[in-house]
Amino acid sequence: MNVRQFLIVLTISVLAISCSSAARHELPGAICGTPVNPEVTRPLLASTDDLHEFTRVDRSEAITAPCVLLAGRDPVLEFRFSWDDMARDLMYLAADTGSISGIRKPRKIEFTYKTIVGTDGAIAIAPCKTNGGKYFTLTLQVPQIGLMDQTHRKDIEKFMRAYFPATLKTLGCR
């Protein structure tokens, strides 16, 4: 193999590695079946390595279920899609010490939908008549935000302002 052939092979190899590495770190344009701008997602992710989803959400069945965005084996965004016959008290849900809906330092925000945002997640609710109930509640938890980290509240709020209305559009509310 001459020098020119070697350089061609080397260049192609470097490009192939670069392209596969970039694709692996690409942010999804949809999370848990909801289209979302990757720019509002990026600030919430501690890692973008090997992003993939685990979901049990079935919008047609409207059954309460989780959906998790993982980076490798680590959950980076955890969602709970929930349908109920009555409106839930979001502050009560946020105060839950369990892993389903607990949110640290929750505050109500001014928004079209009843929404609270904390330092590590958010909860929003809206009327949404489906086979599963009359109200839809979405819980977001960002498990990789540290206990003392207060810096992501605005990022979480921005994400929910984009993600929640987009999710409602995918639900087939009547």
C-alpha atoms as a PDB file:
ATOM      1  CA  MET A   1       0.000   0.000   0.000  1.00  0.00           C
ATOM      2  CA  ASN A   2       1.452   3.338  -1.007  1.00  0.00           C
ATOM      3  CA  VAL A   3       1.315   6.549   1.044  1.00  0.00           C
ATOM      4  CA  ARG A   4      -1.647   7.947  -0.886  1.00  0.00           C
ATOM      5  CA  GLN A   5      -3.735   4.799  -0.355  1.00  0.00           C
ATOM      6  CA  PHE A   6      -2.781   4.771   3.314  1.00  0.00           C
ATOM      7  CA  LEU A   7      -3.896   8.407   3.737  1.00  0.00           C
ATOM      8  CA  ILE A   8      -7.219   7.683   2.015  1.00  0.00           C
ATOM      9  CA  VAL A   9      -7.877   4.692   4.288  1.00  0.00           C
ATOM     10  CA  LEU A  10      -6.856   6.707   7.351  1.00  0.00           C
ATOM     11  CA  THR A  11      -9.135   9.631   6.386  1.00  0.00           C
ATOM     12  CA  ILE A  12     -12.109   7.339   5.776  1.00  0.00           C
ATOM     13  CA  SER A  13     -11.500   5.595   9.111  1.00  0.00           C
ATOM     14  CA  VAL A  14     -11.359   8.883  11.021  1.00  0.00           C
ATOM     15  CA  LEU A  15     -14.561  10.104   9.323  1.00  0.00           C
ATOM     16  CA  ALA A  16     -16.358   6.844  10.095  1.00  0.00           C
ATOM     17  CA  ILE A  17     -15.387   7.014  13.763  1.00  0.00           C
ATOM     18  CA  SER A  18     -16.347  10.700  13.999  1.00  0.00           C
ATOM     19  CA  CYS A  19     -19.722  10.128  12.374  1.00  0.00           C
ATOM     20  CA  SER A  20     -20.617   7.145  14.545  1.00  0.00           C
ATOM     21  CA  SER A  21     -19.531   9.028  17.675  1.00  0.00           C
ATOM     22  CA  ALA A  22     -21.607  12.087  16.748  1.00  0.00           C
ATOM     23  CA  ALA A  23     -24.694   9.986  16.015  1.00  0.00           C
ATOM     24  CA  ARG A  24     -24.371   8.310  19.396  1.00  0.00           C
ATOM     25  CA  HIS A  25     -24.512  11.688  21.148  1.00  0.00           C
ATOM     26  CA  GLU A  26     -27.334  13.149  19.070  1.00  0.00           C
ATOM     27  CA  LEU A  27     -30.347  14.303  21.065  1.00  0.00           C
ATOM     28  CA  PRO A  28     -33.716  12.853  20.091  1.00  0.00           C
ATOM     29  CA  GLY A  29     -36.309  15.023  18.354  1.00  0.00           C
ATOM     30  CA  ALA A  30     -39.036  13.141  20.238  1.00  0.00           C
ATOM     31  CA  ILE A  31     -39.082  11.790  23.777  1.00  0.00           C
ATOM     32  CA  CYS A  32     -41.651   9.238  24.906  1.00  0.00           C
ATOM     33  CA  GLY A  33     -43.668   9.809  21.742  1.00  0.00           C
ATOM     34  CA  THR A  34     -43.737  13.601  22.035  1.00  0.00           C
ATOM     35  CA  PRO A  35     -41.845  15.814  19.583  1.00  0.00           C
ATOM     36  CA  VAL A  36     -39.591  18.255  21.421  1.00  0.00           C
ATOM     37  CA  ASN A  37     -36.846  20.648  20.390  1.00  0.00           C
ATOM     38  CA  PRO A  38     -33.502  19.129  21.491  1.00  0.00           C
ATOM     39  CA  GLU A  39     -32.368  22.583  22.613  1.00  0.00           C
ATOM     40  CA  VAL A  40     -34.853  22.536  25.533  1.00  0.00           C
ATOM     41  CA  THR A  41     -33.812  19.000  26.436  1.00  0.00           C
ATOM     42  CA  ARG A  42     -30.022  19.461  26.374  1.00  0.00           C
ATOM     43  CA  PRO A  43     -29.689  21.485  29.643  1.00  0.00           C
ATOM     44  CA  LEU A  44     -31.428  18.699  31.594  1.00  0.00           C
ATOM     45  CA  LEU A  45     -29.137  15.883  30.482  1.00  0.00           C
ATOM     46  CA  ALA A  46     -26.036  15.035  32.485  1.00  0.00           C
ATOM     47  CA  SER A  47     -25.007  12.673  29.684  1.00  0.00           C
ATOM     48  CA  THR A  48     -26.011  12.109  26.067  1.00  0.00           C
ATOM     49  CA  ASP A  49     -24.117   8.825  25.718  1.00  0.00           C
ATOM     50  CA  ASP A  50     -26.185   5.988  24.275  1.00  0.00           C
ATOM     51  CA  LEU A  51     -29.590   7.680  24.720  1.00  0.00           C
ATOM     52  CA  HIS A  52     -32.530   5.293  24.503  1.00  0.00           C
ATOM     53  CA  GLU A  53     -36.019   4.903  25.981  1.00  0.00           C
ATOM     54  CA  PHE A  54     -37.833   2.432  28.138  1.00  0.00           C
ATOM     55  CA  THR A  55     -41.558   3.026  27.917  1.00  0.00           C
ATOM     56  CA  ARG A  56     -44.801   1.408  28.925  1.00  0.00           C
ATOM     57  CA  VAL A  57     -46.915   4.345  27.752  1.00  0.00           C
ATOM     58  CA  ASP A  58     -49.730   3.412  25.384  1.00  0.00           C
ATOM     59  CA  ARG A  59     -51.663   6.530  24.462  1.00  0.00           C
ATOM     60  CA  SER A  60     -54.547   4.556  22.939  1.00  0.00           C
ATOM     61  CA  GLU A  61     -55.099   2.638  26.196  1.00  0.00           C
ATOM     62  CA  ALA A  62     -54.583   5.715  28.431  1.00  0.00           C
ATOM     63  CA  ILE A  63     -53.234   3.653  31.326  1.00  0.00           C
ATOM     64  CA  THR A  64     -50.915   5.229  33.891  1.00  0.00           C
ATOM     65  CA  ALA A  65     -47.384   4.243  32.949  1.00  0.00           C
ATOM     66  CA  PRO A  66     -43.727   5.291  33.056  1.00  0.00           C
ATOM     67  CA  CYS A  67     -41.383   6.331  30.295  1.00  0.00           C
ATOM     68  CA  VAL A  68     -37.672   6.769  30.969  1.00  0.00           C
ATOM     69  CA  LEU A  69     -34.942   8.312  28.841  1.00  0.00           C
ATOM     70  CA  LEU A  70     -31.680   6.562  29.670  1.00  0.00           C
ATOM     71  CA  ALA A  71     -28.053   7.369  28.954  1.00  0.00           C
ATOM     72  CA  GLY A  72     -26.576   3.900  28.934  1.00  0.00           C
ATOM     73  CA  ARG A  73     -28.018   2.362  32.108  1.00  0.00           C
ATOM     74  CA  ASP A  74     -28.595   5.655  33.917  1.00  0.00           C
ATOM     75  CA  PRO A  75     -32.016   7.340  33.874  1.00  0.00           C
ATOM     76  CA  VAL A  76     -31.690  10.990  32.834  1.00  0.00           C
ATOM     77  CA  LEU A  77     -35.382  11.927  32.425  1.00  0.00           C
ATOM     78  CA  GLU A  78     -38.212  10.021  34.089  1.00  0.00           C
ATOM     79  CA  PHE A  79     -41.831  10.608  33.088  1.00  0.00           C
ATOM     80  CA  ARG A  80     -45.098   9.341  34.497  1.00  0.00           C
ATOM     81  CA  PHE A  81     -48.114   9.602  32.217  1.00  0.00           C
ATOM     82  CA  SER A  82     -51.307   9.412  34.278  1.00  0.00           C
ATOM     83  CA  TRP A  83     -55.013   9.571  33.457  1.00  0.00           C
ATOM     84  CA  ASP A  84     -57.614  10.112  36.198  1.00  0.00           C
ATOM     85  CA  ASP A  85     -61.316  10.875  36.597  1.00  0.00           C
ATOM     86  CA  MET A  86     -60.591  13.776  38.933  1.00  0.00           C
ATOM     87  CA  ALA A  87     -58.026  16.571  39.012  1.00  0.00           C
ATOM     88  CA  ARG A  88     -55.073  15.786  41.265  1.00  0.00           C
ATOM     89  CA  ASP A  89     -53.594  18.181  43.825  1.00  0.00           C
ATOM     90  CA  LEU A  90     -50.163  18.865  42.328  1.00  0.00           C
ATOM     91  CA  MET A  91     -48.593  20.143  45.557  1.00  0.00           C
ATOM     92  CA  TYR A  92     -49.737  16.986  47.334  1.00  0.00           C
ATOM     93  CA  LEU A  93     -48.194  14.865  44.585  1.00  0.00           C
ATOM     94  CA  ALA A  94     -44.967  16.866  44.708  1.00  0.00           C
ATOM     95  CA  ALA A  95     -44.696  16.400  48.473  1.00  0.00           C
ATOM     96  CA  ASP A  96     -44.808  12.621  48.040  1.00  0.00           C
ATOM     97  CA  THR A  97     -41.564  11.177  49.353  1.00  0.00           C
ATOM     98  CA  GLY A  98     -41.762   8.183  47.025  1.00  0.00           C
ATOM     99  CA  SER A  99     -40.118   7.823  43.659  1.00  0.00           C
ATOM    100  CA  ILE A 100     -43.289   8.361  41.617  1.00  0.00           C
ATOM    101  CA  SER A 101     -43.892  12.088  41.843  1.00  0.00           C
ATOM    102  CA  GLY A 102     -41.747  13.667  44.546  1.00  0.00           C
ATOM    103  CA  ILE A 103     -40.378  17.056  43.484  1.00  0.00           C
ATOM    104  CA  ARG A 104     -38.007  19.139  45.635  1.00  0.00           C
ATOM    105  CA  LYS A 105     -38.981  22.742  46.432  1.00  0.00           C
ATOM    106  CA  PRO A 106     -42.084  22.901  44.178  1.00  0.00           C
ATOM    107  CA  ARG A 107     -43.514  26.260  43.076  1.00  0.00           C
ATOM    108  CA  LYS A 108     -46.540  27.080  40.965  1.00  0.00           C
ATOM    109  CA  ILE A 109     -45.785  28.857  37.698  1.00  0.00           C
ATOM    110  CA  GLU A 110     -47.935  31.121  35.538  1.00  0.00           C
ATOM    111  CA  PHE A 111     -48.829  28.925  32.574  1.00  0.00           C
ATOM    112  CA  THR A 112     -51.813  27.883  30.497  1.00  0.00           C
ATOM    113  CA  TYR A 113     -51.954  24.607  32.440  1.00  0.00           C
ATOM    114  CA  LYS A 114     -51.735  23.994  36.180  1.00  0.00           C
ATOM    115  CA  THR A 115     -48.028  23.339  36.605  1.00  0.00           C
ATOM    116  CA  ILE A 116     -45.502  23.232  39.391  1.00  0.00           C
ATOM    117  CA  VAL A 117     -41.758  23.252  38.885  1.00  0.00           C
ATOM    118  CA  GLY A 118     -39.148  22.172  41.389  1.00  0.00           C
ATOM    119  CA  THR A 119     -35.393  21.982  41.481  1.00  0.00           C
ATOM    120  CA  ASP A 120     -35.412  18.397  40.180  1.00  0.00           C
ATOM    121  CA  GLY A 121     -38.664  18.005  38.235  1.00  0.00           C
ATOM    122  CA  ALA A 122     -42.155  19.232  37.463  1.00  0.00           C
ATOM    123  CA  ILE A 123     -45.809  18.173  37.406  1.00  0.00           C
ATOM    124  CA  ALA A 124     -48.565  19.478  35.120  1.00  0.00           C
ATOM    125  CA  ILE A 125     -52.244  18.637  34.723  1.00  0.00           C
ATOM    126  CA  ALA A 126     -54.908  19.445  32.134  1.00  0.00           C
ATOM    127  CA  PRO A 127     -58.444  18.371  31.290  1.00  0.00           C
ATOM    128  CA  CYS A 128     -58.180  15.574  28.739  1.00  0.00           C
ATOM    129  CA  LYS A 129     -61.125  13.263  28.208  1.00  0.00           C
ATOM    130  CA  THR A 130     -59.926   9.863  27.019  1.00  0.00           C
ATOM    131  CA  ASN A 131     -60.758   6.238  27.735  1.00  0.00           C
ATOM    132  CA  GLY A 132     -58.495   6.539  30.798  1.00  0.00           C
ATOM    133  CA  GLY A 133     -60.207   9.480  32.476  1.00  0.00           C
ATOM    134  CA  LYS A 134     -61.040  13.173  32.356  1.00  0.00           C
ATOM    135  CA  TYR A 135     -57.619  14.576  33.362  1.00  0.00           C
ATOM    136  CA  PHE A 136     -54.070  13.960  32.262  1.00  0.00           C
ATOM    137  CA  THR A 137     -51.142  14.472  34.630  1.00  0.00           C
ATOM    138  CA  LEU A 138     -47.516  14.420  33.542  1.00  0.00           C
ATOM    139  CA  THR A 139     -44.722  14.097  36.064  1.00  0.00           C
ATOM    140  CA  LEU A 140     -41.118  14.793  35.107  1.00  0.00           C
ATOM    141  CA  GLN A 141     -38.219  13.873  37.349  1.00  0.00           C
ATOM    142  CA  VAL A 142     -34.580  14.597  36.566  1.00  0.00           C
ATOM    143  CA  PRO A 143     -32.777  12.086  38.825  1.00  0.00           C
ATOM    144  CA  GLN A 144     -29.235  13.197  38.065  1.00  0.00           C
ATOM    145  CA  ILE A 145     -29.748  16.665  39.538  1.00  0.00           C
ATOM    146  CA  GLY A 146     -27.988  16.728  42.895  1.00  0.00           C
ATOM    147  CA  LEU A 147     -29.813  17.302  46.154  1.00  0.00           C
ATOM    148  CA  MET A 148     -28.272  20.750  46.663  1.00  0.00           C
ATOM    149  CA  ASP A 149     -28.298  21.815  42.995  1.00  0.00           C
ATOM    150  CA  GLN A 150     -30.691  24.768  42.569  1.00  0.00           C
ATOM    151  CA  THR A 151     -29.554  25.759  39.066  1.00  0.00           C
ATOM    152  CA  HIS A 152     -31.979  23.848  36.816  1.00  0.00           C
ATOM    153  CA  ARG A 153     -35.407  25.217  37.790  1.00  0.00           C
ATOM    154  CA  LYS A 154     -35.579  27.561  34.753  1.00  0.00           C
ATOM    155  CA  ASP A 155     -34.382  24.761  32.433  1.00  0.00           C
ATOM    156  CA  ILE A 156     -37.077  22.433  33.783  1.00  0.00           C
ATOM    157  CA  GLU A 157     -39.720  25.140  33.390  1.00  0.00           C
ATOM    158  CA  LYS A 158     -38.667  25.838  29.803  1.00  0.00           C
ATOM    159  CA  PHE A 159     -38.781  22.124  29.015  1.00  0.00           C
ATOM    160  CA  MET A 160     -42.292  21.714  30.505  1.00  0.00           C
ATOM    161  CA  ARG A 161     -43.604  24.785  28.656  1.00  0.00           C
ATOM    162  CA  ALA A 162     -42.610  23.045  25.411  1.00  0.00           C
ATOM    163  CA  TYR A 163     -43.161  19.388  26.288  1.00  0.00           C
ATOM    164  CA  PHE A 164     -46.520  19.412  28.102  1.00  0.00           C
ATOM    165  CA  PRO A 165     -48.614  21.126  25.386  1.00  0.00           C
ATOM    166  CA  ALA A 166     -46.917  18.969  22.734  1.00  0.00           C
ATOM    167  CA  THR A 167     -47.785  15.856  24.740  1.00  0.00           C
ATOM    168  CA  LEU A 168     -51.428  16.923  25.025  1.00  0.00           C
ATOM    169  CA  LYS A 169     -51.562  17.164  21.229  1.00  0.00           C
ATOM    170  CA  THR A 170     -50.524  13.497  20.978  1.00  0.00           C
ATOM    171  CA  LEU A 171     -53.158  12.173  23.395  1.00  0.00           C
ATOM    172  CA  GLY A 172     -56.356  12.448  21.389  1.00  0.00           C
ATOM    173  CA  CYS A 173     -58.223  14.365  24.089  1.00  0.00           C
ATOM    174  CA  ARG A 174     -61.911  14.858  23.400  1.00  0.00           C
END
